[in-house]
Amino acid sequence: MAPATGFLPDAERATALDHRMRQRLVASLAYVARQAGEHLDLNAVRLERALQRISATPQDPLVVGAYYELVVAIELDELDRAQEFFDEILDRATDAAPPFCVLPLPDPATSRDGRRFEQLFNSDADAPFQIAPAPEALASAMATRVHEALTLLDQVSPELAAETRALVRTIVLAACPAPEDQEFVFDGASAFSLWGAILLNVESHESRPEMVSALVHETAHNLLFGLSTDGRLVLNAPDERYDSPLRPDDRPMDGIYHATFVSGRMALALEALANAEATALPAQDREQARALAAESRAAFARGDAVVHRHGRLSPLGEAILDSARSWLKKVVDIS
């Protein structure tokens, strides 16, 4: 069944997307096992048990990450590493959904998980960034802000909060030691190859509206990743570059499409905050949410204009953005 393309948050759809992503992972792992089985030591019973667990239950995003490293190792004919990654997947697969967690980036120099987060989140060759383990105090303060933001979302937009929890299971907190001459400062990241995880910069998102906006921003990327499993949303060539609504550098159309949709989702969340009762959010935070919502609407309009002029979208991509346009055209009273 094709996924619903509506712009508004939908926790049931998010759960279905996670289920579908896991079914695709199971099918691909089974295929790899059949094709590479004679070169790898795979216990059939253990493999079947892991595939059943992945099919039935949400998994740690690092299971998906290990799969992507497995595929690369096989393509490079690095069979020892392929064996290691396959064994890891079978070990990590669980019959109980992992709890939602906020965790500091493990040191990539000493941790396999940290190295994987560092490599796979840094998936944009046009805008590479450096990340490092965060100072304990900053990571602890950020973790508190994340949980407060989710509680706030529960109050002002329960469906958006539920969708966020259905799409994101792990939030990784990192420092970003950017060079002084670097225009782009890392605030957060998502990656298809780490489905269910997002990365946040511990030195950003200091206020409640900013923290809510960051969570919604990165979750919206994951939503688009899930919606695109049936095919591309954008048909432009990857080497085409256009003005970005959120970044100073020119971006591929796929990045502009993502930024446009994400800006709309940020406006939706921020307007919910701006409309919140005083018991949910102080007046100062509601004023900031109102200002940030206006910025997000303007970013959506800029991005949508670029997509309209230059974008070549698939029917699915057009339907998703049309739904966002319809919502953004509403006159919303946030006084």
C-alpha atoms as a PDB file:
ATOM      1  CA  MET A   1       0.000   0.000   0.000  1.00  0.00           C
ATOM      2  CA  ALA A   2       1.334   3.455  -0.894  1.00  0.00           C
ATOM      3  CA  PRO A   3       2.066   5.696   2.092  1.00  0.00           C
ATOM      4  CA  ALA A   4      -0.204   8.596   2.999  1.00  0.00           C
ATOM      5  CA  THR A   5       1.288  11.814   1.653  1.00  0.00           C
ATOM      6  CA  GLY A   6      -0.415  14.295   3.988  1.00  0.00           C
ATOM      7  CA  PHE A   7       1.652  17.053   5.551  1.00  0.00           C
ATOM      8  CA  LEU A   8       0.143  16.862   9.019  1.00  0.00           C
ATOM      9  CA  PRO A   9       1.769  14.581  11.601  1.00  0.00           C
ATOM     10  CA  ASP A  10       0.495  11.014  11.644  1.00  0.00           C
ATOM     11  CA  ALA A  11       1.888   8.612  14.236  1.00  0.00           C
ATOM     12  CA  GLU A  12       0.153   5.626  12.654  1.00  0.00           C
ATOM     13  CA  ARG A  13       1.794   6.383   9.306  1.00  0.00           C
ATOM     14  CA  ALA A  14       5.172   6.763  11.035  1.00  0.00           C
ATOM     15  CA  THR A  15       4.802   3.360  12.660  1.00  0.00           C
ATOM     16  CA  ALA A  16       3.867   1.852   9.300  1.00  0.00           C
ATOM     17  CA  LEU A  17       6.914   3.440   7.653  1.00  0.00           C
ATOM     18  CA  ASP A  18       9.204   1.963  10.298  1.00  0.00           C
ATOM     19  CA  HIS A  19       7.600  -1.440   9.744  1.00  0.00           C
ATOM     20  CA  ARG A  20       8.077  -1.177   5.995  1.00  0.00           C
ATOM     21  CA  MET A  21      11.696  -0.108   6.341  1.00  0.00           C
ATOM     22  CA  ARG A  22      12.353  -3.172   8.486  1.00  0.00           C
ATOM     23  CA  GLN A  23      10.686  -5.489   5.974  1.00  0.00           C
ATOM     24  CA  ARG A  24      12.955  -4.108   3.274  1.00  0.00           C
ATOM     25  CA  LEU A  25      15.958  -4.623   5.529  1.00  0.00           C
ATOM     26  CA  VAL A  26      14.919  -8.228   6.154  1.00  0.00           C
ATOM     27  CA  ALA A  27      14.499  -8.889   2.437  1.00  0.00           C
ATOM     28  CA  SER A  28      17.869  -7.350   1.644  1.00  0.00           C
ATOM     29  CA  LEU A  29      19.680  -9.242   4.412  1.00  0.00           C
ATOM     30  CA  ALA A  30      18.147 -12.503   3.198  1.00  0.00           C
ATOM     31  CA  TYR A  31      19.301 -11.702  -0.343  1.00  0.00           C
ATOM     32  CA  VAL A  32      22.835 -10.888   0.815  1.00  0.00           C
ATOM     33  CA  ALA A  33      22.928 -14.117   2.811  1.00  0.00           C
ATOM     34  CA  ARG A  34      21.912 -16.128  -0.256  1.00  0.00           C
ATOM     35  CA  GLN A  35      24.422 -14.421  -2.530  1.00  0.00           C
ATOM     36  CA  ALA A  36      27.369 -14.338  -0.125  1.00  0.00           C
ATOM     37  CA  GLY A  37      26.536 -17.341   1.997  1.00  0.00           C
ATOM     38  CA  GLU A  38      29.247 -19.544   0.525  1.00  0.00           C
ATOM     39  CA  HIS A  39      31.864 -16.921   1.429  1.00  0.00           C
ATOM     40  CA  LEU A  40      30.590 -16.147   4.941  1.00  0.00           C
ATOM     41  CA  ASP A  41      30.028 -18.290   7.994  1.00  0.00           C
ATOM     42  CA  LEU A  42      26.291 -17.830   8.593  1.00  0.00           C
ATOM     43  CA  ASN A  43      24.374 -20.052  10.974  1.00  0.00           C
ATOM     44  CA  ALA A  44      20.974 -20.625   9.361  1.00  0.00           C
ATOM     45  CA  VAL A  45      19.068 -20.859  12.655  1.00  0.00           C
ATOM     46  CA  ARG A  46      20.686 -17.726  14.060  1.00  0.00           C
ATOM     47  CA  LEU A  47      20.074 -15.856  10.802  1.00  0.00           C
ATOM     48  CA  GLU A  48      16.406 -16.814  10.694  1.00  0.00           C
ATOM     49  CA  ARG A  49      15.915 -15.787  14.313  1.00  0.00           C
ATOM     50  CA  ALA A  50      17.464 -12.376  13.654  1.00  0.00           C
ATOM     51  CA  LEU A  51      15.360 -11.812  10.536  1.00  0.00           C
ATOM     52  CA  GLN A  52      12.196 -12.664  12.462  1.00  0.00           C
ATOM     53  CA  ARG A  53      13.134 -10.226  15.211  1.00  0.00           C
ATOM     54  CA  ILE A  54      13.874  -7.398  12.784  1.00  0.00           C
ATOM     55  CA  SER A  55      10.625  -8.059  10.942  1.00  0.00           C
ATOM     56  CA  ALA A  56       8.514  -8.044  14.094  1.00  0.00           C
ATOM     57  CA  THR A  57      10.083  -5.353  16.266  1.00  0.00           C
ATOM     58  CA  PRO A  58      11.591  -1.864  15.956  1.00  0.00           C
ATOM     59  CA  GLN A  59      15.376  -2.045  16.166  1.00  0.00           C
ATOM     60  CA  ASP A  60      18.371  -0.014  17.253  1.00  0.00           C
ATOM     61  CA  PRO A  61      19.347   2.346  14.381  1.00  0.00           C
ATOM     62  CA  LEU A  62      22.843   0.885  14.553  1.00  0.00           C
ATOM     63  CA  VAL A  63      21.433  -2.333  13.070  1.00  0.00           C
ATOM     64  CA  VAL A  64      20.632  -0.363   9.910  1.00  0.00           C
ATOM     65  CA  GLY A  65      24.040   1.289  10.077  1.00  0.00           C
ATOM     66  CA  ALA A  66      25.773  -2.090  10.323  1.00  0.00           C
ATOM     67  CA  TYR A  67      23.830  -3.261   7.262  1.00  0.00           C
ATOM     68  CA  TYR A  68      25.144  -0.341   5.188  1.00  0.00           C
ATOM     69  CA  GLU A  69      28.690  -1.073   6.281  1.00  0.00           C
ATOM     70  CA  LEU A  70      28.107  -4.745   5.404  1.00  0.00           C
ATOM     71  CA  VAL A  71      27.063  -3.841   1.860  1.00  0.00           C
ATOM     72  CA  VAL A  72      30.125  -1.629   1.365  1.00  0.00           C
ATOM     73  CA  ALA A  73      32.441  -4.353   2.673  1.00  0.00           C
ATOM     74  CA  ILE A  74      30.960  -6.894   0.255  1.00  0.00           C
ATOM     75  CA  GLU A  75      31.263  -4.476  -2.665  1.00  0.00           C
ATOM     76  CA  LEU A  76      34.935  -4.011  -1.776  1.00  0.00           C
ATOM     77  CA  ASP A  77      35.396  -7.781  -1.426  1.00  0.00           C
ATOM     78  CA  GLU A  78      36.460  -7.289   2.201  1.00  0.00           C
ATOM     79  CA  LEU A  79      35.001 -10.563   3.414  1.00  0.00           C
ATOM     80  CA  ASP A  80      36.504 -10.476   6.908  1.00  0.00           C
ATOM     81  CA  ARG A  81      34.848  -7.129   7.558  1.00  0.00           C
ATOM     82  CA  ALA A  82      31.619  -8.349   5.953  1.00  0.00           C
ATOM     83  CA  GLN A  83      31.608 -11.305   8.334  1.00  0.00           C
ATOM     84  CA  GLU A  84      32.116  -8.927  11.265  1.00  0.00           C
ATOM     85  CA  PHE A  85      29.187  -6.722  10.244  1.00  0.00           C
ATOM     86  CA  PHE A  86      26.865  -9.658   9.583  1.00  0.00           C
ATOM     87  CA  ASP A  87      27.710 -11.124  12.987  1.00  0.00           C
ATOM     88  CA  GLU A  88      27.041  -7.756  14.576  1.00  0.00           C
ATOM     89  CA  ILE A  89      23.606  -7.528  12.962  1.00  0.00           C
ATOM     90  CA  LEU A  90      22.688 -10.983  14.201  1.00  0.00           C
ATOM     91  CA  ASP A  91      23.902 -10.059  17.690  1.00  0.00           C
ATOM     92  CA  ARG A  92      22.113  -6.706  17.795  1.00  0.00           C
ATOM     93  CA  ALA A  93      18.742  -7.899  16.493  1.00  0.00           C
ATOM     94  CA  THR A  94      16.359  -7.968  19.436  1.00  0.00           C
ATOM     95  CA  ASP A  95      12.844  -9.192  20.118  1.00  0.00           C
ATOM     96  CA  ALA A  96      12.101  -6.182  22.338  1.00  0.00           C
ATOM     97  CA  ALA A  97      11.995  -2.662  20.930  1.00  0.00           C
ATOM     98  CA  PRO A  98      14.903  -0.611  22.296  1.00  0.00           C
ATOM     99  CA  PRO A  99      13.818   2.273  24.530  1.00  0.00           C
ATOM    100  CA  PHE A 100      13.976   5.817  23.279  1.00  0.00           C
ATOM    101  CA  CYS A 101      17.383   7.158  24.286  1.00  0.00           C
ATOM    102  CA  VAL A 102      19.428  10.346  24.278  1.00  0.00           C
ATOM    103  CA  LEU A 103      23.125   9.539  24.381  1.00  0.00           C
ATOM    104  CA  PRO A 104      26.453  11.361  24.083  1.00  0.00           C
ATOM    105  CA  LEU A 105      28.494  10.489  21.008  1.00  0.00           C
ATOM    106  CA  PRO A 106      30.870   7.665  21.944  1.00  0.00           C
ATOM    107  CA  ASP A 107      34.463   8.477  21.105  1.00  0.00           C
ATOM    108  CA  PRO A 108      34.972   7.444  17.449  1.00  0.00           C
ATOM    109  CA  ALA A 109      38.642   6.772  18.199  1.00  0.00           C
ATOM    110  CA  THR A 110      37.800   3.952  20.606  1.00  0.00           C
ATOM    111  CA  SER A 111      34.168   2.990  19.950  1.00  0.00           C
ATOM    112  CA  ARG A 112      32.753   1.099  16.989  1.00  0.00           C
ATOM    113  CA  ASP A 113      29.386   2.796  17.555  1.00  0.00           C
ATOM    114  CA  GLY A 114      30.993   6.226  17.725  1.00  0.00           C
ATOM    115  CA  ARG A 115      32.913   5.620  14.506  1.00  0.00           C
ATOM    116  CA  ARG A 116      29.732   4.507  12.752  1.00  0.00           C
ATOM    117  CA  PHE A 117      27.787   7.551  13.913  1.00  0.00           C
ATOM    118  CA  GLU A 118      30.641   9.809  12.795  1.00  0.00           C
ATOM    119  CA  GLN A 119      30.887   8.245   9.334  1.00  0.00           C
ATOM    120  CA  LEU A 120      27.246   7.669   8.472  1.00  0.00           C
ATOM    121  CA  PHE A 121      25.797  10.927   9.781  1.00  0.00           C
ATOM    122  CA  ASN A 122      28.460  12.738   7.773  1.00  0.00           C
ATOM    123  CA  SER A 123      26.856  11.642   4.524  1.00  0.00           C
ATOM    124  CA  ASP A 124      26.824  14.926   2.594  1.00  0.00           C
ATOM    125  CA  ALA A 125      30.029  15.168   0.565  1.00  0.00           C
ATOM    126  CA  ASP A 126      29.191  18.804  -0.296  1.00  0.00           C
ATOM    127  CA  ALA A 127      29.099  19.894   3.343  1.00  0.00           C
ATOM    128  CA  PRO A 128      31.280  17.657   5.506  1.00  0.00           C
ATOM    129  CA  PHE A 129      31.490  18.499   9.180  1.00  0.00           C
ATOM    130  CA  GLN A 130      33.512  17.369  12.142  1.00  0.00           C
ATOM    131  CA  ILE A 131      31.953  15.963  15.275  1.00  0.00           C
ATOM    132  CA  ALA A 132      33.493  14.928  18.550  1.00  0.00           C
ATOM    133  CA  PRO A 133      32.372  13.665  21.948  1.00  0.00           C
ATOM    134  CA  ALA A 134      30.703  16.467  23.864  1.00  0.00           C
ATOM    135  CA  PRO A 135      31.834  17.712  27.272  1.00  0.00           C
ATOM    136  CA  GLU A 136      29.803  15.890  29.901  1.00  0.00           C
ATOM    137  CA  ALA A 137      28.146  19.013  31.297  1.00  0.00           C
ATOM    138  CA  LEU A 138      27.007  20.202  27.855  1.00  0.00           C
ATOM    139  CA  ALA A 139      25.690  16.748  26.920  1.00  0.00           C
ATOM    140  CA  SER A 140      23.792  16.468  30.200  1.00  0.00           C
ATOM    141  CA  ALA A 141      22.222  19.910  29.780  1.00  0.00           C
ATOM    142  CA  MET A 142      21.260  19.129  26.191  1.00  0.00           C
ATOM    143  CA  ALA A 143      19.696  15.784  27.191  1.00  0.00           C
ATOM    144  CA  THR A 144      17.539  17.637  29.719  1.00  0.00           C
ATOM    145  CA  ARG A 145      16.436  20.112  27.040  1.00  0.00           C
ATOM    146  CA  VAL A 146      15.554  17.261  24.666  1.00  0.00           C
ATOM    147  CA  HIS A 147      13.298  15.582  27.229  1.00  0.00           C
ATOM    148  CA  GLU A 148      11.707  18.923  28.165  1.00  0.00           C
ATOM    149  CA  ALA A 149      11.039  19.630  24.477  1.00  0.00           C
ATOM    150  CA  LEU A 150       9.360  16.257  23.994  1.00  0.00           C
ATOM    151  CA  THR A 151       7.194  16.851  27.065  1.00  0.00           C
ATOM    152  CA  LEU A 152       6.262  20.240  25.640  1.00  0.00           C
ATOM    153  CA  LEU A 153       5.363  18.652  22.309  1.00  0.00           C
ATOM    154  CA  ASP A 154       3.145  16.190  24.194  1.00  0.00           C
ATOM    155  CA  GLN A 155       1.236  19.173  25.545  1.00  0.00           C
ATOM    156  CA  VAL A 156       0.901  21.352  22.452  1.00  0.00           C
ATOM    157  CA  SER A 157       0.840  18.761  19.621  1.00  0.00           C
ATOM    158  CA  PRO A 158       0.335  15.185  20.869  1.00  0.00           C
ATOM    159  CA  GLU A 159       0.224  13.710  17.355  1.00  0.00           C
ATOM    160  CA  LEU A 160       3.506  15.384  16.405  1.00  0.00           C
ATOM    161  CA  ALA A 161       5.091  14.112  19.621  1.00  0.00           C
ATOM    162  CA  ALA A 162       3.840  10.583  18.927  1.00  0.00           C
ATOM    163  CA  GLU A 163       5.111  10.731  15.346  1.00  0.00           C
ATOM    164  CA  THR A 164       8.500  11.917  16.571  1.00  0.00           C
ATOM    165  CA  ARG A 165       8.808   8.977  18.951  1.00  0.00           C
ATOM    166  CA  ALA A 166       7.705   6.546  16.233  1.00  0.00           C
ATOM    167  CA  LEU A 167      10.342   7.799  13.781  1.00  0.00           C
ATOM    168  CA  VAL A 168      13.247   8.560  16.128  1.00  0.00           C
ATOM    169  CA  ARG A 169      14.607   6.081  18.672  1.00  0.00           C
ATOM    170  CA  THR A 170      18.078   7.467  19.296  1.00  0.00           C
ATOM    171  CA  ILE A 171      19.262  11.066  19.656  1.00  0.00           C
ATOM    172  CA  VAL A 172      23.049  11.394  19.586  1.00  0.00           C
ATOM    173  CA  LEU A 173      24.622  14.475  21.164  1.00  0.00           C
ATOM    174  CA  ALA A 174      27.955  15.721  19.853  1.00  0.00           C
ATOM    175  CA  ALA A 175      30.243  18.717  19.785  1.00  0.00           C
ATOM    176  CA  CYS A 176      31.105  20.334  16.455  1.00  0.00           C
ATOM    177  CA  PRO A 177      34.583  21.887  16.378  1.00  0.00           C
ATOM    178  CA  ALA A 178      34.042  23.891  13.186  1.00  0.00           C
ATOM    179  CA  PRO A 179      36.953  25.805  11.608  1.00  0.00           C
ATOM    180  CA  GLU A 180      36.673  29.588  11.961  1.00  0.00           C
ATOM    181  CA  ASP A 181      36.398  30.092   8.194  1.00  0.00           C
ATOM    182  CA  GLN A 182      33.622  27.531   7.726  1.00  0.00           C
ATOM    183  CA  GLU A 183      30.346  29.158   6.683  1.00  0.00           C
ATOM    184  CA  PHE A 184      28.107  26.232   7.570  1.00  0.00           C
ATOM    185  CA  VAL A 185      27.802  25.398  11.264  1.00  0.00           C
ATOM    186  CA  PHE A 186      26.493  21.951  12.089  1.00  0.00           C
ATOM    187  CA  ASP A 187      23.305  22.077  14.184  1.00  0.00           C
ATOM    188  CA  GLY A 188      21.964  18.606  13.525  1.00  0.00           C
ATOM    189  CA  ALA A 189      21.988  15.767  11.038  1.00  0.00           C
ATOM    190  CA  SER A 190      20.053  12.749   9.834  1.00  0.00           C
ATOM    191  CA  ALA A 191      20.973   9.958   7.448  1.00  0.00           C
ATOM    192  CA  PHE A 192      19.010   7.310   5.577  1.00  0.00           C
ATOM    193  CA  SER A 193      21.701   4.820   6.608  1.00  0.00           C
ATOM    194  CA  LEU A 194      20.923   5.508  10.285  1.00  0.00           C
ATOM    195  CA  TRP A 195      17.157   5.243  10.067  1.00  0.00           C
ATOM    196  CA  GLY A 196      15.679   6.065  13.464  1.00  0.00           C
ATOM    197  CA  ALA A 197      18.559   8.222  14.726  1.00  0.00           C
ATOM    198  CA  ILE A 198      19.332  11.936  14.675  1.00  0.00           C
ATOM    199  CA  LEU A 199      22.409  13.938  15.674  1.00  0.00           C
ATOM    200  CA  LEU A 200      22.318  17.260  17.551  1.00  0.00           C
ATOM    201  CA  ASN A 201      25.029  19.805  18.328  1.00  0.00           C
ATOM    202  CA  VAL A 202      25.216  20.345  22.105  1.00  0.00           C
ATOM    203  CA  GLU A 203      26.100  24.017  21.624  1.00  0.00           C
ATOM    204  CA  SER A 204      22.913  24.807  19.695  1.00  0.00           C
ATOM    205  CA  HIS A 205      19.182  24.911  20.463  1.00  0.00           C
ATOM    206  CA  GLU A 206      19.413  26.663  23.822  1.00  0.00           C
ATOM    207  CA  SER A 207      15.773  27.755  24.176  1.00  0.00           C
ATOM    208  CA  ARG A 208      12.663  25.582  24.299  1.00  0.00           C
ATOM    209  CA  PRO A 209      11.329  26.770  20.909  1.00  0.00           C
ATOM    210  CA  GLU A 210      14.743  26.170  19.326  1.00  0.00           C
ATOM    211  CA  MET A 211      14.948  22.683  20.806  1.00  0.00           C
ATOM    212  CA  VAL A 212      11.457  21.750  19.632  1.00  0.00           C
ATOM    213  CA  SER A 213      12.279  23.137  16.190  1.00  0.00           C
ATOM    214  CA  ALA A 214      15.474  21.064  15.999  1.00  0.00           C
ATOM    215  CA  LEU A 215      13.699  17.832  16.932  1.00  0.00           C
ATOM    216  CA  VAL A 216      10.937  18.448  14.399  1.00  0.00           C
ATOM    217  CA  HIS A 217      13.490  19.455  11.751  1.00  0.00           C
ATOM    218  CA  GLU A 218      15.502  16.239  11.960  1.00  0.00           C
ATOM    219  CA  THR A 219      12.434  14.039  12.423  1.00  0.00           C
ATOM    220  CA  ALA A 220      10.974  15.502   9.228  1.00  0.00           C
ATOM    221  CA  HIS A 221      14.067  14.349   7.333  1.00  0.00           C
ATOM    222  CA  ASN A 222      13.461  10.835   8.653  1.00  0.00           C
ATOM    223  CA  LEU A 223       9.821  11.061   7.571  1.00  0.00           C
ATOM    224  CA  LEU A 224      10.915  11.901   4.021  1.00  0.00           C
ATOM    225  CA  PHE A 225      13.447   9.055   4.092  1.00  0.00           C
ATOM    226  CA  GLY A 226      10.609   6.693   4.941  1.00  0.00           C
ATOM    227  CA  LEU A 227       8.261   8.130   2.328  1.00  0.00           C
ATOM    228  CA  SER A 228      10.927   7.819  -0.371  1.00  0.00           C
ATOM    229  CA  THR A 229      11.441   4.072  -0.027  1.00  0.00           C
ATOM    230  CA  ASP A 230       8.990   3.512  -2.912  1.00  0.00           C
ATOM    231  CA  GLY A 231      11.036   5.707  -5.225  1.00  0.00           C
ATOM    232  CA  ARG A 232      12.707   9.064  -5.637  1.00  0.00           C
ATOM    233  CA  LEU A 233      10.855  12.217  -4.662  1.00  0.00           C
ATOM    234  CA  VAL A 234      13.100  14.416  -6.820  1.00  0.00           C
ATOM    235  CA  LEU A 235      14.213  13.518 -10.351  1.00  0.00           C
ATOM    236  CA  ASN A 236      16.817  16.265 -10.879  1.00  0.00           C
ATOM    237  CA  ALA A 237      20.396  15.138 -11.478  1.00  0.00           C
ATOM    238  CA  PRO A 238      22.486  15.073  -8.286  1.00  0.00           C
ATOM    239  CA  ASP A 239      25.056  17.514  -9.724  1.00  0.00           C
ATOM    240  CA  GLU A 240      22.510  20.296 -10.322  1.00  0.00           C
ATOM    241  CA  ARG A 241      22.829  23.101  -7.751  1.00  0.00           C
ATOM    242  CA  TYR A 242      20.351  25.790  -6.686  1.00  0.00           C
ATOM    243  CA  ASP A 243      19.803  28.361  -3.920  1.00  0.00           C
ATOM    244  CA  SER A 244      19.011  26.752  -0.580  1.00  0.00           C
ATOM    245  CA  PRO A 245      16.322  28.175   1.740  1.00  0.00           C
ATOM    246  CA  LEU A 246      18.259  27.174   4.875  1.00  0.00           C
ATOM    247  CA  ARG A 247      21.949  27.177   3.968  1.00  0.00           C
ATOM    248  CA  PRO A 248      24.375  29.692   2.434  1.00  0.00           C
ATOM    249  CA  ASP A 249      25.706  27.246  -0.152  1.00  0.00           C
ATOM    250  CA  ASP A 250      23.984  26.051  -3.315  1.00  0.00           C
ATOM    251  CA  ARG A 251      22.430  22.627  -2.859  1.00  0.00           C
ATOM    252  CA  PRO A 252      21.174  19.700  -4.963  1.00  0.00           C
ATOM    253  CA  MET A 253      17.452  19.800  -5.638  1.00  0.00           C
ATOM    254  CA  ASP A 254      16.895  16.843  -3.321  1.00  0.00           C
ATOM    255  CA  GLY A 255      18.447  18.855  -0.474  1.00  0.00           C
ATOM    256  CA  ILE A 256      16.317  21.882  -1.331  1.00  0.00           C
ATOM    257  CA  TYR A 257      13.195  19.718  -1.415  1.00  0.00           C
ATOM    258  CA  HIS A 258      14.052  18.341   2.024  1.00  0.00           C
ATOM    259  CA  ALA A 259      14.810  21.811   3.403  1.00  0.00           C
ATOM    260  CA  THR A 260      11.527  23.159   2.057  1.00  0.00           C
ATOM    261  CA  PHE A 261       9.391  20.391   3.545  1.00  0.00           C
ATOM    262  CA  VAL A 262      11.324  20.534   6.817  1.00  0.00           C
ATOM    263  CA  SER A 263      10.797  24.319   7.050  1.00  0.00           C
ATOM    264  CA  GLY A 264       7.072  23.756   6.759  1.00  0.00           C
ATOM    265  CA  ARG A 265       7.139  21.172   9.539  1.00  0.00           C
ATOM    266  CA  MET A 266       9.121  23.570  11.739  1.00  0.00           C
ATOM    267  CA  ALA A 267       6.489  26.256  11.142  1.00  0.00           C
ATOM    268  CA  LEU A 268       3.753  23.811  12.117  1.00  0.00           C
ATOM    269  CA  ALA A 269       5.436  22.951  15.424  1.00  0.00           C
ATOM    270  CA  LEU A 270       6.411  26.528  16.237  1.00  0.00           C
ATOM    271  CA  GLU A 271       2.915  27.815  15.614  1.00  0.00           C
ATOM    272  CA  ALA A 272       1.589  25.159  17.979  1.00  0.00           C
ATOM    273  CA  LEU A 273       4.005  26.534  20.576  1.00  0.00           C
ATOM    274  CA  ALA A 274       3.006  30.121  19.836  1.00  0.00           C
ATOM    275  CA  ASN A 275      -0.638  29.180  20.371  1.00  0.00           C
ATOM    276  CA  ALA A 276       0.104  27.349  23.615  1.00  0.00           C
ATOM    277  CA  GLU A 277      -1.554  28.361  26.828  1.00  0.00           C
ATOM    278  CA  ALA A 278       0.628  30.263  29.277  1.00  0.00           C
ATOM    279  CA  THR A 279       0.650  27.170  31.489  1.00  0.00           C
ATOM    280  CA  ALA A 280       2.475  25.274  28.728  1.00  0.00           C
ATOM    281  CA  LEU A 281       4.929  27.965  27.682  1.00  0.00           C
ATOM    282  CA  PRO A 282       5.911  31.369  29.114  1.00  0.00           C
ATOM    283  CA  ALA A 283       5.096  34.474  27.088  1.00  0.00           C
ATOM    284  CA  GLN A 284       8.750  35.054  26.182  1.00  0.00           C
ATOM    285  CA  ASP A 285       9.028  31.578  24.647  1.00  0.00           C
ATOM    286  CA  ARG A 286       5.747  32.009  22.792  1.00  0.00           C
ATOM    287  CA  GLU A 287       7.045  35.259  21.310  1.00  0.00           C
ATOM    288  CA  GLN A 288      10.205  33.528  20.152  1.00  0.00           C
ATOM    289  CA  ALA A 289       8.153  30.656  18.722  1.00  0.00           C
ATOM    290  CA  ARG A 290       6.063  33.188  16.799  1.00  0.00           C
ATOM    291  CA  ALA A 291       9.172  34.814  15.321  1.00  0.00           C
ATOM    292  CA  LEU A 292      10.789  31.490  14.437  1.00  0.00           C
ATOM    293  CA  ALA A 293       7.536  30.301  12.852  1.00  0.00           C
ATOM    294  CA  ALA A 294       7.541  33.342  10.584  1.00  0.00           C
ATOM    295  CA  GLU A 295      11.158  32.604   9.613  1.00  0.00           C
ATOM    296  CA  SER A 296      10.255  29.001   8.837  1.00  0.00           C
ATOM    297  CA  ARG A 297       7.293  30.037   6.699  1.00  0.00           C
ATOM    298  CA  ALA A 298       9.565  32.419   4.778  1.00  0.00           C
ATOM    299  CA  ALA A 299      12.132  29.632   4.309  1.00  0.00           C
ATOM    300  CA  PHE A 300       9.405  27.347   2.985  1.00  0.00           C
ATOM    301  CA  ALA A 301       8.307  30.017   0.502  1.00  0.00           C
ATOM    302  CA  ARG A 302      11.889  30.555  -0.720  1.00  0.00           C
ATOM    303  CA  GLY A 303      12.501  26.845  -1.120  1.00  0.00           C
ATOM    304  CA  ASP A 304       9.146  26.237  -2.762  1.00  0.00           C
ATOM    305  CA  ALA A 305       9.873  28.950  -5.325  1.00  0.00           C
ATOM    306  CA  VAL A 306      13.159  27.230  -6.248  1.00  0.00           C
ATOM    307  CA  VAL A 307      11.441  23.836  -6.479  1.00  0.00           C
ATOM    308  CA  HIS A 308       8.646  25.334  -8.591  1.00  0.00           C
ATOM    309  CA  ARG A 309      11.136  26.909 -11.038  1.00  0.00           C
ATOM    310  CA  HIS A 310      13.708  24.161 -11.288  1.00  0.00           C
ATOM    311  CA  GLY A 311      12.446  21.010  -9.628  1.00  0.00           C
ATOM    312  CA  ARG A 312      11.462  17.862 -11.469  1.00  0.00           C
ATOM    313  CA  LEU A 313       9.436  15.869  -8.984  1.00  0.00           C
ATOM    314  CA  SER A 314       8.008  12.393  -9.083  1.00  0.00           C
ATOM    315  CA  PRO A 315       4.220  12.101  -8.592  1.00  0.00           C
ATOM    316  CA  LEU A 316       4.888  11.092  -4.967  1.00  0.00           C
ATOM    317  CA  GLY A 317       7.241  14.015  -4.418  1.00  0.00           C
ATOM    318  CA  GLU A 318       4.696  16.423  -5.918  1.00  0.00           C
ATOM    319  CA  ALA A 319       1.873  15.040  -3.772  1.00  0.00           C
ATOM    320  CA  ILE A 320       3.869  15.409  -0.555  1.00  0.00           C
ATOM    321  CA  LEU A 321       4.879  18.992  -1.309  1.00  0.00           C
ATOM    322  CA  ASP A 322       1.361  19.909  -2.490  1.00  0.00           C
ATOM    323  CA  SER A 323       0.020  18.866   0.894  1.00  0.00           C
ATOM    324  CA  ALA A 324       2.619  21.047   2.612  1.00  0.00           C
ATOM    325  CA  ARG A 325       1.762  23.988   0.353  1.00  0.00           C
ATOM    326  CA  SER A 326      -1.924  23.651   1.227  1.00  0.00           C
ATOM    327  CA  TRP A 327      -1.201  23.839   4.935  1.00  0.00           C
ATOM    328  CA  LEU A 328       1.287  26.716   4.615  1.00  0.00           C
ATOM    329  CA  LYS A 329      -1.237  28.780   2.633  1.00  0.00           C
ATOM    330  CA  LYS A 330      -3.610  28.841   5.576  1.00  0.00           C
ATOM    331  CA  VAL A 331      -4.029  32.066   7.495  1.00  0.00           C
ATOM    332  CA  VAL A 332      -3.021  31.051  10.983  1.00  0.00           C
ATOM    333  CA  ASP A 333      -3.953  33.240  13.928  1.00  0.00           C
ATOM    334  CA  ILE A 334      -1.070  33.014  16.415  1.00  0.00           C
ATOM    335  CA  SER A 335      -1.848  36.168  18.347  1.00  0.00           C
END
